[in-house]
Amino acid sequence: MTVTKAHIVEALFGKNVFNKTESAQIIDSLFEVIKKSLENGEDILISGFGKFSVRKKHQRIGRNPHTGEPIMLSEGRVVTFKCSGRLRAKINGDRG
């Protein structure tokens, strides 16, 4: 199952701290801060969760998956994510 923004809003609402409108506004604000920071090339570090970084990709030769012919891929920026050690341990079943 894919977790959507609506699922996150529902989970926050389910904690009985905020109503649904407030929960949606908080999530929208959070995502807006994250998007703006990444657009500006800034890293996002969330302790215990992981780090989002913007990396520059140089122009390079790729391959058309349908024909197998080489094509030139333009340079650009991509977002990468590296999870924290704590999150990695929980994903792998370590509870310590």
PDB file of N, CA and C in Angstrom:
ATOM      1  N   MET A   1       0.828  -1.186   0.000  1.00  0.00           N
ATOM      2  CA  MET A   1       0.000   0.000   0.000  1.00  0.00           C
ATOM      3  C   MET A   1       0.872   1.249   0.000  1.00  0.00           C
ATOM      4  N   THR A   2       0.470   2.245  -0.733  1.00  0.00           N
ATOM      5  CA  THR A   2       1.164   3.522  -0.764  1.00  0.00           C
ATOM      6  C   THR A   2       0.521   4.471   0.240  1.00  0.00           C
ATOM      7  N   VAL A   3       1.335   5.116   1.052  1.00  0.00           N
ATOM      8  CA  VAL A   3       0.830   6.099   2.000  1.00  0.00           C
ATOM      9  C   VAL A   3       0.733   7.440   1.279  1.00  0.00           C
ATOM     10  N   THR A   4      -0.448   8.035   1.315  1.00  0.00           N
ATOM     11  CA  THR A   4      -0.671   9.314   0.650  1.00  0.00           C
ATOM     12  C   THR A   4      -0.720  10.441   1.678  1.00  0.00           C
ATOM     13  N   LYS A   5      -0.769  11.655   1.166  1.00  0.00           N
ATOM     14  CA  LYS A   5      -0.887  12.816   2.051  1.00  0.00           C
ATOM     15  C   LYS A   5      -2.171  12.712   2.875  1.00  0.00           C
ATOM     16  N   ALA A   6      -3.244  12.224   2.263  1.00  0.00           N
ATOM     17  CA  ALA A   6      -4.514  12.053   2.981  1.00  0.00           C
ATOM     18  C   ALA A   6      -4.361  11.061   4.138  1.00  0.00           C
ATOM     19  N   HIS A   7      -3.571   9.989   3.923  1.00  0.00           N
ATOM     20  CA  HIS A   7      -3.324   9.030   5.010  1.00  0.00           C
ATOM     21  C   HIS A   7      -2.587   9.703   6.171  1.00  0.00           C
ATOM     22  N   ILE A   8      -1.630  10.547   5.845  1.00  0.00           N
ATOM     23  CA  ILE A   8      -0.856  11.237   6.883  1.00  0.00           C
ATOM     24  C   ILE A   8      -1.763  12.195   7.658  1.00  0.00           C
ATOM     25  N   VAL A   9      -2.622  12.919   6.938  1.00  0.00           N
ATOM     26  CA  VAL A   9      -3.568  13.836   7.596  1.00  0.00           C
ATOM     27  C   VAL A   9      -4.480  13.046   8.530  1.00  0.00           C
ATOM     28  N   GLU A  10      -4.995  11.917   8.061  1.00  0.00           N
ATOM     29  CA  GLU A  10      -5.873  11.079   8.889  1.00  0.00           C
ATOM     30  C   GLU A  10      -5.148  10.581  10.142  1.00  0.00           C
ATOM     31  N   ALA A  11      -3.887  10.182   9.979  1.00  0.00           N
ATOM     32  CA  ALA A  11      -3.114   9.692  11.124  1.00  0.00           C
ATOM     33  C   ALA A  11      -2.894  10.800  12.151  1.00  0.00           C
ATOM     34  N   LEU A  12      -2.602  12.003  11.672  1.00  0.00           N
ATOM     35  CA  LEU A  12      -2.408  13.141  12.580  1.00  0.00           C
ATOM     36  C   LEU A  12      -3.731  13.481  13.265  1.00  0.00           C
ATOM     37  N   PHE A  13      -4.814  13.469  12.525  1.00  0.00           N
ATOM     38  CA  PHE A  13      -6.149  13.714  13.072  1.00  0.00           C
ATOM     39  C   PHE A  13      -6.507  12.643  14.100  1.00  0.00           C
ATOM     40  N   GLY A  14      -6.111  11.420  13.838  1.00  0.00           N
ATOM     41  CA  GLY A  14      -6.402  10.302  14.734  1.00  0.00           C
ATOM     42  C   GLY A  14      -5.725  10.410  16.092  1.00  0.00           C
ATOM     43  N   LYS A  15      -4.711  11.238  16.204  1.00  0.00           N
ATOM     44  CA  LYS A  15      -4.019  11.440  17.485  1.00  0.00           C
ATOM     45  C   LYS A  15      -4.831  12.331  18.424  1.00  0.00           C
ATOM     46  N   ASN A  16      -5.963  12.877  17.910  1.00  0.00           N
ATOM     47  CA  ASN A  16      -6.872  13.720  18.697  1.00  0.00           C
ATOM     48  C   ASN A  16      -6.213  14.981  19.248  1.00  0.00           C
ATOM     49  N   VAL A  17      -5.248  15.515  18.497  1.00  0.00           N
ATOM     50  CA  VAL A  17      -4.607  16.758  18.901  1.00  0.00           C
ATOM     51  C   VAL A  17      -5.129  17.914  18.048  1.00  0.00           C
ATOM     52  N   PHE A  18      -5.327  17.653  16.748  1.00  0.00           N
ATOM     53  CA  PHE A  18      -5.790  18.660  15.802  1.00  0.00           C
ATOM     54  C   PHE A  18      -7.040  18.161  15.091  1.00  0.00           C
ATOM     55  N   ASN A  19      -7.859  19.123  14.623  1.00  0.00           N
ATOM     56  CA  ASN A  19      -8.981  18.703  13.785  1.00  0.00           C
ATOM     57  C   ASN A  19      -8.458  18.442  12.376  1.00  0.00           C
ATOM     58  N   LYS A  20      -9.334  17.951  11.482  1.00  0.00           N
ATOM     59  CA  LYS A  20      -8.880  17.568  10.142  1.00  0.00           C
ATOM     60  C   LYS A  20      -8.334  18.750   9.362  1.00  0.00           C
ATOM     61  N   THR A  21      -8.968  19.904   9.456  1.00  0.00           N
ATOM     62  CA  THR A  21      -8.504  21.087   8.721  1.00  0.00           C
ATOM     63  C   THR A  21      -7.126  21.508   9.198  1.00  0.00           C
ATOM     64  N   GLU A  22      -6.939  21.539  10.518  1.00  0.00           N
ATOM     65  CA  GLU A  22      -5.630  21.905  11.070  1.00  0.00           C
ATOM     66  C   GLU A  22      -4.568  20.878  10.670  1.00  0.00           C
ATOM     67  N   SER A  23      -4.930  19.613  10.720  1.00  0.00           N
ATOM     68  CA  SER A  23      -3.993  18.552  10.332  1.00  0.00           C
ATOM     69  C   SER A  23      -3.547  18.732   8.886  1.00  0.00           C
ATOM     70  N   ALA A  24      -4.496  19.009   7.985  1.00  0.00           N
ATOM     71  CA  ALA A  24      -4.172  19.210   6.570  1.00  0.00           C
ATOM     72  C   ALA A  24      -3.282  20.430   6.386  1.00  0.00           C
ATOM     73  N   GLN A  25      -3.571  21.505   7.114  1.00  0.00           N
ATOM     74  CA  GLN A  25      -2.758  22.723   7.011  1.00  0.00           C
ATOM     75  C   GLN A  25      -1.334  22.485   7.501  1.00  0.00           C
ATOM     76  N   ILE A  26      -1.191  21.731   8.563  1.00  0.00           N
ATOM     77  CA  ILE A  26       0.145  21.424   9.101  1.00  0.00           C
ATOM     78  C   ILE A  26       0.942  20.613   8.092  1.00  0.00           C
ATOM     79  N   ILE A  27       0.326  19.584   7.536  1.00  0.00           N
ATOM     80  CA  ILE A  27       1.021  18.733   6.564  1.00  0.00           C
ATOM     81  C   ILE A  27       1.373  19.535   5.317  1.00  0.00           C
ATOM     82  N   ASP A  28       0.435  20.350   4.822  1.00  0.00           N
ATOM     83  CA  ASP A  28       0.721  21.187   3.649  1.00  0.00           C
ATOM     84  C   ASP A  28       1.871  22.143   3.926  1.00  0.00           C
ATOM     85  N   SER A  29       1.885  22.745   5.106  1.00  0.00           N
ATOM     86  CA  SER A  29       2.966  23.671   5.472  1.00  0.00           C
ATOM     87  C   SER A  29       4.304  22.955   5.555  1.00  0.00           C
ATOM     88  N   LEU A  30       4.300  21.779   6.154  1.00  0.00           N
ATOM     89  CA  LEU A  30       5.526  20.987   6.264  1.00  0.00           C
ATOM     90  C   LEU A  30       6.085  20.654   4.886  1.00  0.00           C
ATOM     91  N   PHE A  31       5.217  20.161   3.998  1.00  0.00           N
ATOM     92  CA  PHE A  31       5.676  19.803   2.656  1.00  0.00           C
ATOM     93  C   PHE A  31       6.143  21.034   1.887  1.00  0.00           C
ATOM     94  N   GLU A  32       5.522  22.163   2.104  1.00  0.00           N
ATOM     95  CA  GLU A  32       5.924  23.396   1.418  1.00  0.00           C
ATOM     96  C   GLU A  32       7.327  23.823   1.863  1.00  0.00           C
ATOM     97  N   VAL A  33       7.608  23.724   3.162  1.00  0.00           N
ATOM     98  CA  VAL A  33       8.950  24.053   3.672  1.00  0.00           C
ATOM     99  C   VAL A  33       9.986  23.104   3.068  1.00  0.00           C
ATOM    100  N   ILE A  34       9.660  21.819   3.007  1.00  0.00           N
ATOM    101  CA  ILE A  34      10.580  20.828   2.438  1.00  0.00           C
ATOM    102  C   ILE A  34      10.832  21.128   0.966  1.00  0.00           C
ATOM    103  N   LYS A  35       9.755  21.390   0.202  1.00  0.00           N
ATOM    104  CA  LYS A  35       9.910  21.677  -1.235  1.00  0.00           C
ATOM    105  C   LYS A  35      10.757  22.918  -1.468  1.00  0.00           C
ATOM    106  N   LYS A  36      10.477  23.987  -0.735  1.00  0.00           N
ATOM    107  CA  LYS A  36      11.234  25.238  -0.918  1.00  0.00           C
ATOM    108  C   LYS A  36      12.713  25.031  -0.599  1.00  0.00           C
ATOM    109  N   SER A  37      12.988  24.310   0.471  1.00  0.00           N
ATOM    110  CA  SER A  37      14.383  24.059   0.850  1.00  0.00           C
ATOM    111  C   SER A  37      15.109  23.268  -0.225  1.00  0.00           C
ATOM    112  N   LEU A  38      14.467  22.235  -0.754  1.00  0.00           N
ATOM    113  CA  LEU A  38      15.097  21.430  -1.799  1.00  0.00           C
ATOM    114  C   LEU A  38      15.270  22.237  -3.080  1.00  0.00           C
ATOM    115  N   GLU A  39      14.288  23.084  -3.429  1.00  0.00           N
ATOM    116  CA  GLU A  39      14.415  23.950  -4.607  1.00  0.00           C
ATOM    117  C   GLU A  39      15.629  24.863  -4.481  1.00  0.00           C
ATOM    118  N   ASN A  40      15.928  25.290  -3.255  1.00  0.00           N
ATOM    119  CA  ASN A  40      17.072  26.167  -3.005  1.00  0.00           C
ATOM    120  C   ASN A  40      18.381  25.405  -2.854  1.00  0.00           C
ATOM    121  N   GLY A  41      18.337  24.087  -3.033  1.00  0.00           N
ATOM    122  CA  GLY A  41      19.549  23.279  -2.948  1.00  0.00           C
ATOM    123  C   GLY A  41      19.965  22.942  -1.531  1.00  0.00           C
ATOM    124  N   GLU A  42      19.091  23.169  -0.569  1.00  0.00           N
ATOM    125  CA  GLU A  42      19.407  22.890   0.829  1.00  0.00           C
ATOM    126  C   GLU A  42      19.047  21.445   1.178  1.00  0.00           C
ATOM    127  N   ASP A  43      19.820  20.843   2.071  1.00  0.00           N
ATOM    128  CA  ASP A  43      19.520  19.503   2.556  1.00  0.00           C
ATOM    129  C   ASP A  43      18.446  19.581   3.634  1.00  0.00           C
ATOM    130  N   ILE A  44      17.691  18.507   3.775  1.00  0.00           N
ATOM    131  CA  ILE A  44      16.691  18.379   4.836  1.00  0.00           C
ATOM    132  C   ILE A  44      17.119  17.210   5.701  1.00  0.00           C
ATOM    133  N   LEU A  45      17.421  17.468   6.952  1.00  0.00           N
ATOM    134  CA  LEU A  45      17.837  16.424   7.888  1.00  0.00           C
ATOM    135  C   LEU A  45      16.772  16.284   8.961  1.00  0.00           C
ATOM    136  N   ILE A  46      16.137  15.116   9.020  1.00  0.00           N
ATOM    137  CA  ILE A  46      15.115  14.839  10.022  1.00  0.00           C
ATOM    138  C   ILE A  46      15.679  13.756  10.927  1.00  0.00           C
ATOM    139  N   SER A  47      16.038  14.153  12.142  1.00  0.00           N
ATOM    140  CA  SER A  47      16.688  13.255  13.080  1.00  0.00           C
ATOM    141  C   SER A  47      15.849  12.004  13.307  1.00  0.00           C
ATOM    142  N   GLY A  48      16.483  10.850  13.235  1.00  0.00           N
ATOM    143  CA  GLY A  48      15.804   9.584  13.437  1.00  0.00           C
ATOM    144  C   GLY A  48      15.059   9.084  12.208  1.00  0.00           C
ATOM    145  N   PHE A  49      15.029   9.890  11.138  1.00  0.00           N
ATOM    146  CA  PHE A  49      14.330   9.499   9.918  1.00  0.00           C
ATOM    147  C   PHE A  49      15.291   9.400   8.748  1.00  0.00           C
ATOM    148  N   GLY A  50      15.957  10.526   8.415  1.00  0.00           N
ATOM    149  CA  GLY A  50      16.910  10.491   7.314  1.00  0.00           C
ATOM    150  C   GLY A  50      17.205  11.865   6.762  1.00  0.00           C
ATOM    151  N   LYS A  51      17.911  11.879   5.638  1.00  0.00           N
ATOM    152  CA  LYS A  51      18.367  13.122   5.032  1.00  0.00           C
ATOM    153  C   LYS A  51      18.012  13.139   3.555  1.00  0.00           C
ATOM    154  N   PHE A  52      17.339  14.216   3.132  1.00  0.00           N
ATOM    155  CA  PHE A  52      17.057  14.465   1.734  1.00  0.00           C
ATOM    156  C   PHE A  52      18.114  15.432   1.224  1.00  0.00           C
ATOM    157  N   SER A  53      18.732  15.125   0.095  1.00  0.00           N
ATOM    158  CA  SER A  53      19.763  15.981  -0.486  1.00  0.00           C
ATOM    159  C   SER A  53      19.481  16.191  -1.960  1.00  0.00           C
ATOM    160  N   VAL A  54      19.929  17.346  -2.472  1.00  0.00           N
ATOM    161  CA  VAL A  54      19.841  17.618  -3.898  1.00  0.00           C
ATOM    162  C   VAL A  54      21.217  17.364  -4.489  1.00  0.00           C
ATOM    163  N   ARG A  55      21.267  16.507  -5.505  1.00  0.00           N
ATOM    164  CA  ARG A  55      22.526  16.180  -6.180  1.00  0.00           C
ATOM    165  C   ARG A  55      22.463  16.631  -7.623  1.00  0.00           C
ATOM    166  N   LYS A  56      23.603  17.079  -8.122  1.00  0.00           N
ATOM    167  CA  LYS A  56      23.681  17.455  -9.533  1.00  0.00           C
ATOM    168  C   LYS A  56      24.094  16.236 -10.343  1.00  0.00           C
ATOM    169  N   LYS A  57      23.349  15.989 -11.421  1.00  0.00           N
ATOM    170  CA  LYS A  57      23.702  14.917 -12.353  1.00  0.00           C
ATOM    171  C   LYS A  57      24.281  15.578 -13.598  1.00  0.00           C
ATOM    172  N   HIS A  58      25.442  15.132 -14.026  1.00  0.00           N
ATOM    173  CA  HIS A  58      26.087  15.680 -15.221  1.00  0.00           C
ATOM    174  C   HIS A  58      25.479  15.073 -16.478  1.00  0.00           C
ATOM    175  N   GLN A  59      25.702  15.739 -17.591  1.00  0.00           N
ATOM    176  CA  GLN A  59      25.262  15.199 -18.870  1.00  0.00           C
ATOM    177  C   GLN A  59      25.964  13.858 -19.083  1.00  0.00           C
ATOM    178  N   ARG A  60      25.202  12.875 -19.560  1.00  0.00           N
ATOM    179  CA  ARG A  60      25.777  11.545 -19.702  1.00  0.00           C
ATOM    180  C   ARG A  60      25.049  10.783 -20.806  1.00  0.00           C
ATOM    181  N   ILE A  61      25.666   9.693 -21.212  1.00  0.00           N
ATOM    182  CA  ILE A  61      25.057   8.847 -22.238  1.00  0.00           C
ATOM    183  C   ILE A  61      24.188   7.812 -21.543  1.00  0.00           C
ATOM    184  N   GLY A  62      22.944   7.708 -22.017  1.00  0.00           N
ATOM    185  CA  GLY A  62      22.014   6.711 -21.508  1.00  0.00           C
ATOM    186  C   GLY A  62      21.598   5.796 -22.640  1.00  0.00           C
ATOM    187  N   ARG A  63      20.578   5.018 -22.415  1.00  0.00           N
ATOM    188  CA  ARG A  63      20.114   4.089 -23.426  1.00  0.00           C
ATOM    189  C   ARG A  63      18.591   4.137 -23.475  1.00  0.00           C
ATOM    190  N   ASN A  64      18.048   4.188 -24.688  1.00  0.00           N
ATOM    191  CA  ASN A  64      16.613   4.128 -24.873  1.00  0.00           C
ATOM    192  C   ASN A  64      16.157   2.709 -24.510  1.00  0.00           C
ATOM    193  N   PRO A  65      15.281   2.549 -23.521  1.00  0.00           N
ATOM    194  CA  PRO A  65      14.912   1.199 -23.089  1.00  0.00           C
ATOM    195  C   PRO A  65      14.137   0.403 -24.141  1.00  0.00           C
ATOM    196  N   HIS A  66      13.471   1.091 -25.072  1.00  0.00           N
ATOM    197  CA  HIS A  66      12.706   0.378 -26.091  1.00  0.00           C
ATOM    198  C   HIS A  66      13.582  -0.094 -27.249  1.00  0.00           C
ATOM    199  N   THR A  67      14.490   0.780 -27.696  1.00  0.00           N
ATOM    200  CA  THR A  67      15.300   0.441 -28.873  1.00  0.00           C
ATOM    201  C   THR A  67      16.706  -0.001 -28.513  1.00  0.00           C
ATOM    202  N   GLY A  68      17.175   0.356 -27.321  1.00  0.00           N
ATOM    203  CA  GLY A  68      18.539   0.025 -26.928  1.00  0.00           C
ATOM    204  C   GLY A  68      19.570   0.990 -27.485  1.00  0.00           C
ATOM    205  N   GLU A  69      19.121   1.993 -28.237  1.00  0.00           N
ATOM    206  CA  GLU A  69      20.056   2.949 -28.819  1.00  0.00           C
ATOM    207  C   GLU A  69      20.546   3.944 -27.769  1.00  0.00           C
ATOM    208  N   PRO A  70      21.814   4.345 -27.875  1.00  0.00           N
ATOM    209  CA  PRO A  70      22.337   5.337 -26.927  1.00  0.00           C
ATOM    210  C   PRO A  70      21.722   6.715 -27.191  1.00  0.00           C
ATOM    211  N   ILE A  71      21.455   7.441 -26.106  1.00  0.00           N
ATOM    212  CA  ILE A  71      20.961   8.821 -26.214  1.00  0.00           C
ATOM    213  C   ILE A  71      21.703   9.670 -25.195  1.00  0.00           C
ATOM    214  N   MET A  72      21.766  10.971 -25.455  1.00  0.00           N
ATOM    215  CA  MET A  72      22.434  11.885 -24.536  1.00  0.00           C
ATOM    216  C   MET A  72      21.408  12.399 -23.526  1.00  0.00           C
ATOM    217  N   LEU A  73      21.659  12.164 -22.245  1.00  0.00           N
ATOM    218  CA  LEU A  73      20.786  12.641 -21.178  1.00  0.00           C
ATOM    219  C   LEU A  73      21.324  13.978 -20.689  1.00  0.00           C
ATOM    220  N   SER A  74      20.446  14.959 -20.571  1.00  0.00           N
ATOM    221  CA  SER A  74      20.882  16.294 -20.158  1.00  0.00           C
ATOM    222  C   SER A  74      21.188  16.316 -18.661  1.00  0.00           C
ATOM    223  N   GLU A  75      21.956  17.320 -18.264  1.00  0.00           N
ATOM    224  CA  GLU A  75      22.283  17.457 -16.849  1.00  0.00           C
ATOM    225  C   GLU A  75      21.053  17.959 -16.109  1.00  0.00           C
ATOM    226  N   GLY A  76      21.042  17.759 -14.827  1.00  0.00           N
ATOM    227  CA  GLY A  76      19.922  18.210 -14.005  1.00  0.00           C
ATOM    228  C   GLY A  76      20.197  17.923 -12.547  1.00  0.00           C
ATOM    229  N   ARG A  77      19.210  18.212 -11.743  1.00  0.00           N
ATOM    230  CA  ARG A  77      19.336  17.957 -10.310  1.00  0.00           C
ATOM    231  C   ARG A  77      18.316  16.898  -9.912  1.00  0.00           C
ATOM    232  N   VAL A  78      18.700  16.041  -8.977  1.00  0.00           N
ATOM    233  CA  VAL A  78      17.821  14.994  -8.473  1.00  0.00           C
ATOM    234  C   VAL A  78      17.837  15.027  -6.939  1.00  0.00           C
ATOM    235  N   VAL A  79      16.747  14.581  -6.348  1.00  0.00           N
ATOM    236  CA  VAL A  79      16.661  14.486  -4.895  1.00  0.00           C
ATOM    237  C   VAL A  79      17.004  13.058  -4.499  1.00  0.00           C
ATOM    238  N   THR A  80      17.888  12.926  -3.523  1.00  0.00           N
ATOM    239  CA  THR A  80      18.240  11.610  -3.002  1.00  0.00           C
ATOM    240  C   THR A  80      17.833  11.548  -1.531  1.00  0.00           C
ATOM    241  N   PHE A  81      17.624  10.349  -1.039  1.00  0.00           N
ATOM    242  CA  PHE A  81      17.264  10.149   0.363  1.00  0.00           C
ATOM    243  C   PHE A  81      18.154   9.078   0.950  1.00  0.00           C
ATOM    244  N   LYS A  82      18.685   9.356   2.132  1.00  0.00           N
ATOM    245  CA  LYS A  82      19.458   8.359   2.869  1.00  0.00           C
ATOM    246  C   LYS A  82      18.829   8.236   4.245  1.00  0.00           C
ATOM    247  N   CYS A  83      18.345   7.037   4.562  1.00  0.00           N
ATOM    248  CA  CYS A  83      17.665   6.877   5.846  1.00  0.00           C
ATOM    249  C   CYS A  83      18.677   6.840   6.990  1.00  0.00           C
ATOM    250  N   SER A  84      18.187   7.198   8.172  1.00  0.00           N
ATOM    251  CA  SER A  84      19.049   7.197   9.349  1.00  0.00           C
ATOM    252  C   SER A  84      19.339   5.762   9.781  1.00  0.00           C
ATOM    253  N   GLY A  85      20.367   5.602  10.565  1.00  0.00           N
ATOM    254  CA  GLY A  85      20.705   4.283  11.086  1.00  0.00           C
ATOM    255  C   GLY A  85      19.587   3.722  11.948  1.00  0.00           C
ATOM    256  N   ARG A  86      18.935   4.589  12.697  1.00  0.00           N
ATOM    257  CA  ARG A  86      17.835   4.163  13.562  1.00  0.00           C
ATOM    258  C   ARG A  86      16.670   3.626  12.732  1.00  0.00           C
ATOM    259  N   LEU A  87      16.302   4.331  11.657  1.00  0.00           N
ATOM    260  CA  LEU A  87      15.224   3.874  10.788  1.00  0.00           C
ATOM    261  C   LEU A  87      15.615   2.578  10.080  1.00  0.00           C
ATOM    262  N   ARG A  88      16.851   2.507   9.612  1.00  0.00           N
ATOM    263  CA  ARG A  88      17.330   1.291   8.935  1.00  0.00           C
ATOM    264  C   ARG A  88      17.230   0.092   9.876  1.00  0.00           C
ATOM    265  N   ALA A  89      17.597   0.296  11.149  1.00  0.00           N
ATOM    266  CA  ALA A  89      17.520  -0.797  12.113  1.00  0.00           C
ATOM    267  C   ALA A  89      16.071  -1.250  12.319  1.00  0.00           C
ATOM    268  N   LYS A  90      15.140  -0.295  12.392  1.00  0.00           N
ATOM    269  CA  LYS A  90      13.730  -0.669  12.568  1.00  0.00           C
ATOM    270  C   LYS A  90      13.195  -1.392  11.346  1.00  0.00           C
ATOM    271  N   ILE A  91      13.588  -0.961  10.158  1.00  0.00           N
ATOM    272  CA  ILE A  91      13.145  -1.624   8.927  1.00  0.00           C
ATOM    273  C   ILE A  91      13.644  -3.066   8.898  1.00  0.00           C
ATOM    274  N   ASN A  92      14.854  -3.269   9.389  1.00  0.00           N
ATOM    275  CA  ASN A  92      15.460  -4.596   9.375  1.00  0.00           C
ATOM    276  C   ASN A  92      15.120  -5.434  10.598  1.00  0.00           C
ATOM    277  N   GLY A  93      14.231  -4.944  11.439  1.00  0.00           N
ATOM    278  CA  GLY A  93      13.765  -5.748  12.563  1.00  0.00           C
ATOM    279  C   GLY A  93      14.503  -5.575  13.870  1.00  0.00           C
ATOM    280  N   ASP A  94      15.548  -4.745  13.907  1.00  0.00           N
ATOM    281  CA  ASP A  94      16.242  -4.468  15.167  1.00  0.00           C
ATOM    282  C   ASP A  94      15.376  -3.535  15.979  1.00  0.00           C
ATOM    283  N   ARG A  95      15.194  -3.834  17.230  1.00  0.00           N
ATOM    284  CA  ARG A  95      14.391  -2.967  18.092  1.00  0.00           C
ATOM    285  C   ARG A  95      15.274  -2.164  19.044  1.00  0.00           C
ATOM    286  N   GLY A  96      16.575  -2.305  18.948  1.00  0.00           N
ATOM    287  CA  GLY A  96      17.474  -1.640  19.889  1.00  0.00           C
ATOM    288  C   GLY A  96      17.868  -0.280  19.553  1.00  0.00           C
TER     289      GLY A  96
END
